[in-house]
Amino acid sequence: MIRISKEILTLKKTPLAKNGACVKEIAPSKDKVIEQLRESYAALREQHNLTYEEILNQLQSVETTLPCTIFSSSLSSLETITKYLKENQHFTLKEIAQKLNRTYRTIWGAYHASLHKHPSGLTAIPTPYHIPLSLFSERKLSILETITHHLRSTHHLRYSQIAKILHRDPRTVWTTEYNAKGKLK
């Protein structure tokens, strides 16, 4: 299996030997990244006999996920997701509407409401908890019910942990999960 190191995509913290402090290393240059991609492409063609189109299809089928650290108490879940996808992932409102299985007007309204409530951008702190974007296309559950149910069933988090991650009251999280379980029966 061919792997591209994560340090290409993000900054890496490395401890210094003298005082134990951490400094951020600068990510490798664009030329180094392109060269590593070329090597990976050549290896995929040789080892697995894949064409250029097959490799591109595999890369495009990678699931878009949302880090749980983007949620704040000032925005609704839909506003947060819309703002993150528009500003951080550079999706168009039309693409967001299609991926979330919502109308364009709903997404437009959520995005513009998020601009008024939270004019600055959302920061995604690295977290082990991510939510696949495809979960939101199923309209059986609300956005918050989908999030809490996913975190509870997939990551086995306690209600208090989910509440802390989502910046919500633990009683709200319990009620939301209870309603989600009732809808899924």
C-alpha atoms as a PDB file:
ATOM      1  CA  MET A   1       0.000   0.000   0.000  1.00  0.00           C
ATOM      2  CA  ILE A   2       1.283   3.454  -0.896  1.00  0.00           C
ATOM      3  CA  ARG A   3       1.095   6.108   1.806  1.00  0.00           C
ATOM      4  CA  ILE A   4       1.796   9.793   1.704  1.00  0.00           C
ATOM      5  CA  SER A   5       3.048  11.056   5.019  1.00  0.00           C
ATOM      6  CA  LYS A   6       0.727  13.357   6.951  1.00  0.00           C
ATOM      7  CA  GLU A   7       3.528  15.845   7.522  1.00  0.00           C
ATOM      8  CA  ILE A   8       3.116  16.924   3.916  1.00  0.00           C
ATOM      9  CA  LEU A   9      -0.391  18.087   4.613  1.00  0.00           C
ATOM     10  CA  THR A  10       0.006  19.557   8.111  1.00  0.00           C
ATOM     11  CA  LEU A  11       2.532  21.172  10.366  1.00  0.00           C
ATOM     12  CA  LYS A  12       4.262  18.792  12.728  1.00  0.00           C
ATOM     13  CA  LYS A  13       5.310  19.519  16.317  1.00  0.00           C
ATOM     14  CA  THR A  14       8.725  18.220  17.305  1.00  0.00           C
ATOM     15  CA  PRO A  15      10.219  18.430  20.819  1.00  0.00           C
ATOM     16  CA  LEU A  16      13.558  20.174  21.172  1.00  0.00           C
ATOM     17  CA  ALA A  17      16.264  18.172  22.927  1.00  0.00           C
ATOM     18  CA  LYS A  18      17.428  20.940  25.295  1.00  0.00           C
ATOM     19  CA  ASN A  19      14.400  22.321  27.079  1.00  0.00           C
ATOM     20  CA  GLY A  20      11.568  20.041  25.942  1.00  0.00           C
ATOM     21  CA  ALA A  21       9.666  22.852  24.235  1.00  0.00           C
ATOM     22  CA  CYS A  22       7.858  22.214  20.966  1.00  0.00           C
ATOM     23  CA  VAL A  23       8.376  24.049  17.705  1.00  0.00           C
ATOM     24  CA  LYS A  24       6.465  23.750  14.481  1.00  0.00           C
ATOM     25  CA  GLU A  25       8.362  22.400  11.522  1.00  0.00           C
ATOM     26  CA  ILE A  26       7.560  23.920   8.173  1.00  0.00           C
ATOM     27  CA  ALA A  27       5.793  21.566   5.775  1.00  0.00           C
ATOM     28  CA  PRO A  28       7.906  20.315   2.857  1.00  0.00           C
ATOM     29  CA  SER A  29       8.036  22.389  -0.301  1.00  0.00           C
ATOM     30  CA  LYS A  30       5.493  22.073  -3.086  1.00  0.00           C
ATOM     31  CA  ASP A  31       8.112  20.444  -5.335  1.00  0.00           C
ATOM     32  CA  LYS A  32       8.808  17.750  -2.746  1.00  0.00           C
ATOM     33  CA  VAL A  33       5.085  17.006  -2.395  1.00  0.00           C
ATOM     34  CA  ILE A  34       4.626  16.769  -6.169  1.00  0.00           C
ATOM     35  CA  GLU A  35       7.630  14.474  -6.463  1.00  0.00           C
ATOM     36  CA  GLN A  36       6.222  12.183  -3.759  1.00  0.00           C
ATOM     37  CA  LEU A  37       2.863  12.117  -5.561  1.00  0.00           C
ATOM     38  CA  ARG A  38       4.584  11.197  -8.831  1.00  0.00           C
ATOM     39  CA  GLU A  39       6.416   8.344  -7.133  1.00  0.00           C
ATOM     40  CA  SER A  40       3.170   7.111  -5.588  1.00  0.00           C
ATOM     41  CA  TYR A  41       1.400   7.364  -8.942  1.00  0.00           C
ATOM     42  CA  ALA A  42       4.143   5.359 -10.661  1.00  0.00           C
ATOM     43  CA  ALA A  43       4.046   2.705  -7.942  1.00  0.00           C
ATOM     44  CA  LEU A  44       0.254   2.391  -8.232  1.00  0.00           C
ATOM     45  CA  ARG A  45       0.497   1.962 -11.987  1.00  0.00           C
ATOM     46  CA  GLU A  46       3.226  -0.671 -11.727  1.00  0.00           C
ATOM     47  CA  GLN A  47       2.065  -2.668  -8.690  1.00  0.00           C
ATOM     48  CA  HIS A  48      -1.690  -2.575  -9.231  1.00  0.00           C
ATOM     49  CA  ASN A  49      -1.933  -1.934 -12.963  1.00  0.00           C
ATOM     50  CA  LEU A  50      -4.261   1.056 -12.466  1.00  0.00           C
ATOM     51  CA  THR A  51      -4.962   3.674 -15.100  1.00  0.00           C
ATOM     52  CA  TYR A  52      -4.871   7.410 -14.465  1.00  0.00           C
ATOM     53  CA  GLU A  53      -8.697   7.572 -14.510  1.00  0.00           C
ATOM     54  CA  GLU A  54      -9.012   4.726 -11.985  1.00  0.00           C
ATOM     55  CA  ILE A  55      -6.596   6.451  -9.607  1.00  0.00           C
ATOM     56  CA  LEU A  56      -8.507   9.738  -9.923  1.00  0.00           C
ATOM     57  CA  ASN A  57     -11.827   7.989  -9.285  1.00  0.00           C
ATOM     58  CA  GLN A  58     -10.407   6.426  -6.123  1.00  0.00           C
ATOM     59  CA  LEU A  59      -9.098   9.786  -4.909  1.00  0.00           C
ATOM     60  CA  GLN A  60     -12.404  11.529  -5.611  1.00  0.00           C
ATOM     61  CA  SER A  61     -14.384   8.892  -3.744  1.00  0.00           C
ATOM     62  CA  VAL A  62     -12.687   9.812  -0.456  1.00  0.00           C
ATOM     63  CA  GLU A  63     -15.380  10.707   2.060  1.00  0.00           C
ATOM     64  CA  THR A  64     -15.599  14.305   3.245  1.00  0.00           C
ATOM     65  CA  THR A  65     -15.751  14.435   7.028  1.00  0.00           C
ATOM     66  CA  LEU A  66     -16.451  17.172   9.538  1.00  0.00           C
ATOM     67  CA  PRO A  67     -14.261  17.550  12.625  1.00  0.00           C
ATOM     68  CA  CYS A  68     -16.353  17.789  15.778  1.00  0.00           C
ATOM     69  CA  THR A  69     -14.331  20.746  17.049  1.00  0.00           C
ATOM     70  CA  ILE A  70     -15.987  23.161  14.598  1.00  0.00           C
ATOM     71  CA  PHE A  71     -19.209  23.339  16.596  1.00  0.00           C
ATOM     72  CA  SER A  72     -19.852  26.347  18.807  1.00  0.00           C
ATOM     73  CA  SER A  73     -22.627  27.411  21.147  1.00  0.00           C
ATOM     74  CA  SER A  74     -23.441  30.517  19.091  1.00  0.00           C
ATOM     75  CA  LEU A  75     -24.397  28.685  15.869  1.00  0.00           C
ATOM     76  CA  SER A  76     -26.902  25.966  15.110  1.00  0.00           C
ATOM     77  CA  SER A  77     -25.562  22.666  13.793  1.00  0.00           C
ATOM     78  CA  LEU A  78     -26.719  23.365  10.233  1.00  0.00           C
ATOM     79  CA  GLU A  79     -25.228  26.872  10.305  1.00  0.00           C
ATOM     80  CA  THR A  80     -21.918  25.475  11.558  1.00  0.00           C
ATOM     81  CA  ILE A  81     -21.753  22.752   8.910  1.00  0.00           C
ATOM     82  CA  THR A  82     -22.695  25.153   6.116  1.00  0.00           C
ATOM     83  CA  LYS A  83     -20.176  27.783   7.235  1.00  0.00           C
ATOM     84  CA  TYR A  84     -17.389  25.183   7.566  1.00  0.00           C
ATOM     85  CA  LEU A  85     -18.046  23.628   4.156  1.00  0.00           C
ATOM     86  CA  LYS A  86     -18.309  27.021   2.439  1.00  0.00           C
ATOM     87  CA  GLU A  87     -15.352  28.783   4.050  1.00  0.00           C
ATOM     88  CA  ASN A  88     -12.949  25.996   4.988  1.00  0.00           C
ATOM     89  CA  GLN A  89     -13.660  23.343   2.360  1.00  0.00           C
ATOM     90  CA  HIS A  90     -14.572  25.849  -0.419  1.00  0.00           C
ATOM     91  CA  PHE A  91     -17.802  24.136  -1.463  1.00  0.00           C
ATOM     92  CA  THR A  92     -20.428  26.177  -3.274  1.00  0.00           C
ATOM     93  CA  LEU A  93     -23.828  26.577  -1.627  1.00  0.00           C
ATOM     94  CA  LYS A  94     -25.313  24.433  -4.387  1.00  0.00           C
ATOM     95  CA  GLU A  95     -22.842  21.602  -3.675  1.00  0.00           C
ATOM     96  CA  ILE A  96     -23.563  21.848   0.053  1.00  0.00           C
ATOM     97  CA  ALA A  97     -27.306  21.659  -0.611  1.00  0.00           C
ATOM     98  CA  GLN A  98     -26.826  18.542  -2.740  1.00  0.00           C
ATOM     99  CA  LYS A  99     -24.552  16.808  -0.232  1.00  0.00           C
ATOM    100  CA  LEU A 100     -26.842  17.574   2.720  1.00  0.00           C
ATOM    101  CA  ASN A 101     -30.020  16.791   0.761  1.00  0.00           C
ATOM    102  CA  ARG A 102     -31.446  20.216   1.592  1.00  0.00           C
ATOM    103  CA  THR A 103     -32.830  22.984  -0.612  1.00  0.00           C
ATOM    104  CA  TYR A 104     -30.580  25.770  -1.821  1.00  0.00           C
ATOM    105  CA  ARG A 105     -32.732  28.322   0.049  1.00  0.00           C
ATOM    106  CA  THR A 106     -32.261  26.475   3.338  1.00  0.00           C
ATOM    107  CA  ILE A 107     -28.483  26.364   2.917  1.00  0.00           C
ATOM    108  CA  TRP A 108     -28.345  30.007   1.801  1.00  0.00           C
ATOM    109  CA  GLY A 109     -30.375  31.035   4.853  1.00  0.00           C
ATOM    110  CA  ALA A 110     -28.212  29.001   7.224  1.00  0.00           C
ATOM    111  CA  TYR A 111     -24.990  30.404   5.770  1.00  0.00           C
ATOM    112  CA  HIS A 112     -26.141  34.014   5.916  1.00  0.00           C
ATOM    113  CA  ALA A 113     -27.435  33.578   9.460  1.00  0.00           C
ATOM    114  CA  SER A 114     -24.028  32.176  10.417  1.00  0.00           C
ATOM    115  CA  LEU A 115     -22.323  35.252   8.941  1.00  0.00           C
ATOM    116  CA  HIS A 116     -24.396  37.524  11.192  1.00  0.00           C
ATOM    117  CA  LYS A 117     -23.962  35.410  14.326  1.00  0.00           C
ATOM    118  CA  HIS A 118     -20.294  34.464  13.849  1.00  0.00           C
ATOM    119  CA  PRO A 119     -18.519  36.759  11.348  1.00  0.00           C
ATOM    120  CA  SER A 120     -15.059  35.256  11.910  1.00  0.00           C
ATOM    121  CA  GLY A 121     -14.059  31.923  10.400  1.00  0.00           C
ATOM    122  CA  LEU A 122     -14.356  28.557  12.120  1.00  0.00           C
ATOM    123  CA  THR A 123     -11.185  26.898  13.324  1.00  0.00           C
ATOM    124  CA  ALA A 124     -10.964  23.131  13.236  1.00  0.00           C
ATOM    125  CA  ILE A 125      -8.743  21.860  16.025  1.00  0.00           C
ATOM    126  CA  PRO A 126      -7.331  18.372  15.317  1.00  0.00           C
ATOM    127  CA  THR A 127      -9.587  15.726  16.835  1.00  0.00           C
ATOM    128  CA  PRO A 128     -10.087  11.968  16.574  1.00  0.00           C
ATOM    129  CA  TYR A 129     -13.835  12.508  16.195  1.00  0.00           C
ATOM    130  CA  HIS A 130     -15.060  13.154  12.659  1.00  0.00           C
ATOM    131  CA  ILE A 131     -18.534  12.892  11.190  1.00  0.00           C
ATOM    132  CA  PRO A 132     -18.957  11.685   7.578  1.00  0.00           C
ATOM    133  CA  LEU A 133     -20.799  14.262   5.502  1.00  0.00           C
ATOM    134  CA  SER A 134     -22.856  11.543   3.821  1.00  0.00           C
ATOM    135  CA  LEU A 135     -24.724  10.886   7.099  1.00  0.00           C
ATOM    136  CA  PHE A 136     -26.564  14.182   6.736  1.00  0.00           C
ATOM    137  CA  SER A 137     -28.115  13.308   3.391  1.00  0.00           C
ATOM    138  CA  GLU A 138     -30.432  10.873   5.172  1.00  0.00           C
ATOM    139  CA  ARG A 139     -33.299  13.079   6.354  1.00  0.00           C
ATOM    140  CA  LYS A 140     -34.718  10.625   8.877  1.00  0.00           C
ATOM    141  CA  LEU A 141     -32.892  12.400  11.729  1.00  0.00           C
ATOM    142  CA  SER A 142     -32.251  16.081  12.367  1.00  0.00           C
ATOM    143  CA  ILE A 143     -28.706  17.433  12.046  1.00  0.00           C
ATOM    144  CA  LEU A 144     -28.063  17.410  15.803  1.00  0.00           C
ATOM    145  CA  GLU A 145     -29.656  13.973  16.192  1.00  0.00           C
ATOM    146  CA  THR A 146     -27.384  12.633  13.444  1.00  0.00           C
ATOM    147  CA  ILE A 147     -24.297  14.065  15.130  1.00  0.00           C
ATOM    148  CA  THR A 148     -25.105  12.844  18.635  1.00  0.00           C
ATOM    149  CA  HIS A 149     -26.190   9.413  17.429  1.00  0.00           C
ATOM    150  CA  HIS A 150     -23.009   9.001  15.385  1.00  0.00           C
ATOM    151  CA  LEU A 151     -20.747  10.036  18.274  1.00  0.00           C
ATOM    152  CA  ARG A 152     -22.624   7.830  20.719  1.00  0.00           C
ATOM    153  CA  SER A 153     -22.881   4.707  18.535  1.00  0.00           C
ATOM    154  CA  THR A 154     -19.609   4.870  16.600  1.00  0.00           C
ATOM    155  CA  HIS A 155     -17.203   6.423  19.107  1.00  0.00           C
ATOM    156  CA  HIS A 156     -19.039   5.221  22.266  1.00  0.00           C
ATOM    157  CA  LEU A 157     -18.786   8.617  23.943  1.00  0.00           C
ATOM    158  CA  ARG A 158     -20.700   9.522  27.099  1.00  0.00           C
ATOM    159  CA  TYR A 159     -23.356  12.224  26.936  1.00  0.00           C
ATOM    160  CA  SER A 160     -21.152  14.595  28.930  1.00  0.00           C
ATOM    161  CA  GLN A 161     -18.279  14.099  26.460  1.00  0.00           C
ATOM    162  CA  ILE A 162     -20.549  14.750  23.471  1.00  0.00           C
ATOM    163  CA  ALA A 163     -21.958  17.833  25.211  1.00  0.00           C
ATOM    164  CA  LYS A 164     -18.456  19.185  25.776  1.00  0.00           C
ATOM    165  CA  ILE A 165     -17.426  18.570  22.144  1.00  0.00           C
ATOM    166  CA  LEU A 166     -20.589  20.164  20.707  1.00  0.00           C
ATOM    167  CA  HIS A 167     -20.822  22.983  23.283  1.00  0.00           C
ATOM    168  CA  ARG A 168     -24.313  21.918  24.290  1.00  0.00           C
ATOM    169  CA  ASP A 169     -25.966  21.078  27.591  1.00  0.00           C
ATOM    170  CA  PRO A 170     -25.691  17.348  28.503  1.00  0.00           C
ATOM    171  CA  ARG A 171     -29.475  17.219  28.970  1.00  0.00           C
ATOM    172  CA  THR A 172     -29.927  18.496  25.411  1.00  0.00           C
ATOM    173  CA  VAL A 173     -27.577  15.794  24.133  1.00  0.00           C
ATOM    174  CA  TRP A 174     -29.438  13.093  26.110  1.00  0.00           C
ATOM    175  CA  THR A 175     -32.812  14.264  24.788  1.00  0.00           C
ATOM    176  CA  THR A 176     -31.511  14.473  21.228  1.00  0.00           C
ATOM    177  CA  GLU A 177     -30.067  10.947  21.383  1.00  0.00           C
ATOM    178  CA  TYR A 178     -33.272   9.624  22.971  1.00  0.00           C
ATOM    179  CA  ASN A 179     -35.310  11.129  20.122  1.00  0.00           C
ATOM    180  CA  ALA A 180     -32.888   9.708  17.542  1.00  0.00           C
ATOM    181  CA  LYS A 181     -33.203   6.205  18.989  1.00  0.00           C
ATOM    182  CA  GLY A 182     -36.992   6.519  18.886  1.00  0.00           C
ATOM    183  CA  LYS A 183     -36.949   7.551  15.229  1.00  0.00           C
ATOM    184  CA  LEU A 184     -34.604   4.710  14.265  1.00  0.00           C
ATOM    185  CA  LYS A 185     -36.728   1.958  15.852  1.00  0.00           C
END
